[in-house]
Amino acid sequence: MIVIAARLSLANLFAPETRRVFWKVLGLTLLALAVLWFALRGVFNSFALPWLQGFMPSSSDWTGWLTLFLAVFAGIALALAMALLISPVTALIAGLFLDDVAEVVEKRDYPGDAPGTAMPIAAALKSSVRFLGVVVAGNIVALLLLFIPGVNLVAFFLVNGYLLGREFFEFAAMRFRSPDDARQFRVKHALTVFLAGLVIAAFLAIPLLNLLTPLFAAGMMVHLHKLISHKEASLRLRQA
């Protein structure tokens, strides 16, 4: 089911019906990341850099080299920070546009099924902000584990696989279930959801392509929820 859901989601990424959502999500993601980049660079230049320069000798043959080292260090630190922020930023934006993606998927691939119910905007915002905090906390743990050789890459996939799988699946499920029912349904199929989350984490790890994570993850989890629901409905019919 996971492979089928991933394949269908990739097909939906390039479907004509998805283009409007595609440009909206991509544009907002790039805008958010650009704002974060300039904000982080401004904080570094205004506070961190002057503080570090205060420890440098006023006149030394090493001053130029130390300044160059600080510039290189700042660039690497900012790039690392942006890499870690891609996950929560894409998750936040996905929370706002999941219903748009879900509607396209449902109309295109499940025309015979009853359509889902969109989350109220207030509930979507609350859920997205809550998830943003969870993902940021998870990635802080992953960042701390970067200093442990052999664990850092595994930590990235495990943390993001669990968090992204859990939240995107519940988003998709809540179009057809109450929040409590969606959570219980996710727990019931926890292993499948986690493995699907690892696929999303792998997608997230691909440079440039990871900007499409909201569309891919939302579409994949809508498909996965549909496939699991159809399978359970078929089993109930056979048992009746």
Protein backbone atom coordinates (compact mmCIF):
# COMPACT_ATOMS: atom_id res chain seq x y z
CA MET A 1 0.00 0.00 0.00
CA ILE A 2 2.83 2.38 0.81
CA VAL A 3 4.42 1.92 -2.62
CA ILE A 4 1.06 2.41 -4.34
CA ALA A 5 0.32 5.54 -2.29
CA ALA A 6 3.77 7.00 -3.06
CA ARG A 7 3.46 6.24 -6.79
CA LEU A 8 -0.01 7.81 -7.01
CA SER A 9 1.15 10.87 -5.08
CA LEU A 10 4.08 11.38 -7.46
CA ALA A 11 1.66 11.15 -10.40
CA ASN A 12 -0.59 13.75 -8.75
CA LEU A 13 2.33 16.15 -8.35
CA PHE A 14 2.44 16.68 -12.10
CA ALA A 15 -1.27 16.43 -12.82
CA PRO A 16 -2.90 19.52 -14.41
CA GLU A 17 -5.44 19.66 -11.55
CA THR A 18 -2.61 20.10 -9.02
CA ARG A 19 -0.86 23.02 -10.70
CA ARG A 20 -2.80 25.76 -8.90
CA VAL A 21 -2.04 24.24 -5.52
CA PHE A 22 1.52 23.49 -6.65
CA TRP A 23 2.39 27.11 -7.39
CA LYS A 24 0.65 28.34 -4.24
CA VAL A 25 2.50 25.96 -1.94
CA LEU A 26 5.85 26.31 -3.71
CA GLY A 27 5.62 30.10 -3.69
CA LEU A 28 4.73 30.32 0.00
CA THR A 29 7.41 27.80 0.95
CA LEU A 30 10.11 29.73 -0.92
CA LEU A 31 8.87 33.00 0.56
CA ALA A 32 8.89 31.59 4.11
CA LEU A 33 12.39 30.15 3.68
CA ALA A 34 13.68 33.44 2.22
CA VAL A 35 12.25 35.40 5.15
CA LEU A 36 13.83 32.94 7.60
CA TRP A 37 17.18 33.17 5.80
CA PHE A 38 17.33 36.96 6.00
CA ALA A 39 16.08 36.91 9.60
CA LEU A 40 18.75 34.43 10.70
CA ARG A 41 21.47 36.28 8.79
CA GLY A 42 20.35 39.57 10.33
CA VAL A 43 20.46 38.10 13.84
CA PHE A 44 23.95 36.71 13.23
CA ASN A 45 25.31 39.94 11.73
CA SER A 46 23.74 42.15 14.41
CA PHE A 47 24.46 40.12 17.53
CA ALA A 48 26.58 37.00 17.10
CA LEU A 49 29.24 38.42 14.75
CA PRO A 50 30.02 41.56 16.84
CA TRP A 51 30.22 39.38 19.95
CA LEU A 52 32.68 36.99 18.29
CA GLN A 53 34.74 39.84 16.86
CA GLY A 54 35.10 41.22 20.38
CA PHE A 55 37.41 38.31 21.18
CA MET A 56 39.64 39.01 18.17
CA PRO A 57 42.88 41.00 18.57
CA SER A 58 42.60 44.55 17.21
CA SER A 59 45.78 44.24 15.19
CA SER A 60 47.16 40.91 14.14
CA ASP A 61 48.35 39.10 11.06
CA TRP A 62 45.64 36.55 11.82
CA THR A 63 42.77 39.04 11.85
CA GLY A 64 42.00 38.64 8.15
CA TRP A 65 42.08 34.84 8.38
CA LEU A 66 39.88 34.85 11.48
CA THR A 67 37.35 37.09 9.74
CA LEU A 68 37.31 34.74 6.75
CA PHE A 69 36.85 31.77 9.09
CA LEU A 70 33.91 33.48 10.79
CA ALA A 71 32.30 34.21 7.40
CA VAL A 72 32.67 30.57 6.30
CA PHE A 73 31.42 29.35 9.69
CA ALA A 74 28.40 31.65 9.46
CA GLY A 75 27.54 30.37 5.98
CA ILE A 76 27.74 26.73 7.09
CA ALA A 77 25.74 27.41 10.25
CA LEU A 78 23.01 29.24 8.32
CA ALA A 79 22.84 26.48 5.70
CA LEU A 80 22.51 23.86 8.45
CA ALA A 81 19.81 25.90 10.19
CA MET A 82 17.85 26.22 6.94
CA ALA A 83 18.16 22.48 6.29
CA LEU A 84 16.68 21.78 9.71
CA LEU A 85 13.92 24.38 9.24
CA ILE A 86 12.70 22.97 5.91
CA SER A 87 10.82 20.22 7.72
CA PRO A 88 8.75 22.43 10.08
CA VAL A 89 8.16 25.08 7.39
CA THR A 90 6.83 22.56 4.89
CA ALA A 91 4.73 20.95 7.62
CA LEU A 92 3.20 24.29 8.58
CA ILE A 93 2.32 25.13 4.98
CA ALA A 94 0.96 21.64 4.35
CA GLY A 95 -1.43 22.10 7.24
CA LEU A 96 -2.92 25.10 5.47
CA PHE A 97 -3.22 23.49 2.03
CA LEU A 98 -3.90 19.84 2.78
CA ASP A 99 -7.58 20.22 1.99
CA ASP A 100 -6.78 21.69 -1.45
CA VAL A 101 -4.50 18.74 -2.21
CA ALA A 102 -6.98 16.24 -0.77
CA GLU A 103 -9.83 17.57 -2.91
CA VAL A 104 -7.75 17.14 -6.06
CA VAL A 105 -6.77 13.58 -5.08
CA GLU A 106 -10.32 12.58 -4.14
CA LYS A 107 -11.89 13.96 -7.33
CA ARG A 108 -9.16 12.56 -9.58
CA ASP A 109 -8.64 9.09 -8.11
CA TYR A 110 -11.73 8.34 -5.99
CA PRO A 111 -14.69 9.88 -7.85
CA GLY A 112 -17.09 7.22 -6.55
CA ASP A 113 -16.37 7.95 -2.89
CA ALA A 114 -18.08 10.59 -0.78
CA PRO A 115 -15.90 13.72 -0.57
CA GLY A 116 -14.18 14.58 2.69
CA THR A 117 -14.98 17.56 4.86
CA ALA A 118 -12.44 20.38 4.96
CA MET A 119 -11.11 21.39 8.36
CA PRO A 120 -12.25 24.82 9.58
CA ILE A 121 -9.52 27.41 9.07
CA ALA A 122 -9.15 28.01 12.82
CA ALA A 123 -8.71 24.28 13.47
CA ALA A 124 -6.23 23.97 10.59
CA LEU A 125 -4.17 26.88 11.93
CA LYS A 126 -4.21 25.51 15.47
CA SER A 127 -3.19 22.05 14.30
CA SER A 128 -0.44 23.44 12.06
CA VAL A 129 1.03 25.59 14.83
CA ARG A 130 0.93 22.67 17.26
CA PHE A 131 2.68 20.45 14.76
CA LEU A 132 5.27 23.17 14.09
CA GLY A 133 6.25 23.07 17.76
CA VAL A 134 6.44 19.27 17.78
CA VAL A 135 8.64 19.16 14.66
CA VAL A 136 10.95 21.92 15.93
CA ALA A 137 11.42 20.02 19.22
CA GLY A 138 12.08 16.79 17.34
CA ASN A 139 14.65 18.40 15.08
CA ILE A 140 16.43 19.97 18.05
CA VAL A 141 16.91 16.44 19.37
CA ALA A 142 18.12 15.35 15.93
CA LEU A 143 20.53 18.31 15.87
CA LEU A 144 22.02 17.29 19.23
CA LEU A 145 22.49 13.77 17.88
CA LEU A 146 24.46 15.15 14.91
CA PHE A 147 27.52 15.08 17.14
CA ILE A 148 27.24 11.30 17.58
CA PRO A 149 28.84 9.58 14.54
CA GLY A 150 26.62 7.04 12.84
CA VAL A 151 23.51 8.23 14.64
CA ASN A 152 22.87 11.62 12.99
CA LEU A 153 21.46 10.37 9.67
CA VAL A 154 19.41 7.68 11.38
CA ALA A 155 18.05 10.28 13.82
CA PHE A 156 16.98 12.54 10.95
CA PHE A 157 14.95 9.79 9.30
CA LEU A 158 13.47 8.37 12.49
CA VAL A 159 12.42 11.74 13.93
CA ASN A 160 11.02 13.14 10.71
CA GLY A 161 9.56 9.81 9.63
CA TYR A 162 7.57 9.49 12.83
CA LEU A 163 6.46 13.12 13.08
CA LEU A 164 5.64 13.67 9.42
CA GLY A 165 3.91 10.32 9.08
CA ARG A 166 1.81 10.87 12.19
CA GLU A 167 0.67 14.40 11.47
CA PHE A 168 0.06 14.11 7.73
CA PHE A 169 -1.90 10.90 8.17
CA GLU A 170 -4.07 12.44 10.88
CA PHE A 171 -4.66 15.49 8.67
CA ALA A 172 -5.90 13.20 5.90
CA ALA A 173 -7.97 11.05 8.24
CA MET A 174 -9.69 14.04 9.85
CA ARG A 175 -11.42 14.82 6.56
CA PHE A 176 -13.55 11.72 7.25
CA ARG A 177 -13.22 11.19 11.01
CA SER A 178 -13.30 13.12 14.25
CA PRO A 179 -9.87 14.10 15.67
CA ASP A 180 -10.08 11.32 18.27
CA ASP A 181 -11.12 8.71 15.69
CA ALA A 182 -8.37 9.86 13.34
CA ARG A 183 -5.79 9.49 16.11
CA GLN A 184 -7.03 6.03 17.06
CA PHE A 185 -7.04 4.96 13.40
CA ARG A 186 -3.46 6.16 13.07
CA VAL A 187 -2.41 4.27 16.22
CA LYS A 188 -4.10 1.12 14.91
CA HIS A 189 -1.97 1.30 11.75
CA ALA A 190 1.09 2.84 13.44
CA LEU A 191 3.71 0.71 11.67
CA THR A 192 2.29 1.37 8.20
CA VAL A 193 2.04 5.10 8.93
CA PHE A 194 5.60 5.20 10.27
CA LEU A 195 7.01 3.41 7.21
CA ALA A 196 5.13 5.85 4.98
CA GLY A 197 6.61 8.67 7.06
CA LEU A 198 10.09 7.34 6.29
CA VAL A 199 9.30 7.65 2.58
CA ILE A 200 8.31 11.29 3.18
CA ALA A 201 11.53 11.84 5.18
CA ALA A 202 13.54 10.43 2.25
CA PHE A 203 11.70 12.80 -0.10
CA LEU A 204 12.49 15.64 2.32
CA ALA A 205 16.21 14.79 2.19
CA ILE A 206 16.45 15.43 -1.59
CA PRO A 207 17.64 19.02 -2.26
CA LEU A 208 15.22 21.24 -4.23
CA LEU A 209 12.73 18.40 -4.60
CA ASN A 210 12.09 18.69 -0.86
CA LEU A 211 10.30 21.98 -1.51
CA LEU A 212 7.46 19.85 -2.89
CA THR A 213 7.19 17.86 0.34
CA PRO A 214 3.80 19.39 1.32
CA LEU A 215 2.17 18.27 -1.92
CA PHE A 216 3.80 14.86 -1.95
CA ALA A 217 3.19 14.10 1.74
CA ALA A 218 -0.42 15.29 1.75
CA GLY A 219 -1.25 13.38 -1.42
CA MET A 220 0.49 10.23 -0.24
CA MET A 221 -1.32 10.18 3.10
CA VAL A 222 -4.70 10.83 1.47
CA HIS A 223 -4.05 7.81 -0.76
CA LEU A 224 -2.82 5.72 2.16
CA HIS A 225 -5.86 6.56 4.27
CA LYS A 226 -8.15 5.69 1.37
CA LEU A 227 -6.37 2.39 0.66
CA ILE A 228 -6.44 1.31 4.31
CA SER A 229 -10.09 2.34 4.68
CA HIS A 230 -11.10 0.43 1.52
CA LYS A 231 -9.22 -2.66 2.71
CA GLU A 232 -10.93 -2.59 6.10
CA ALA A 233 -14.34 -2.07 4.46
CA SER A 234 -13.74 -5.07 2.18
CA LEU A 235 -12.77 -7.24 5.18
CA ARG A 236 -15.92 -6.23 7.04
CA LEU A 237 -18.07 -7.15 4.04
CA ARG A 238 -16.44 -10.57 3.77
CA GLN A 239 -16.91 -11.20 7.48
CA ALA A 240 -20.57 -10.08 7.45
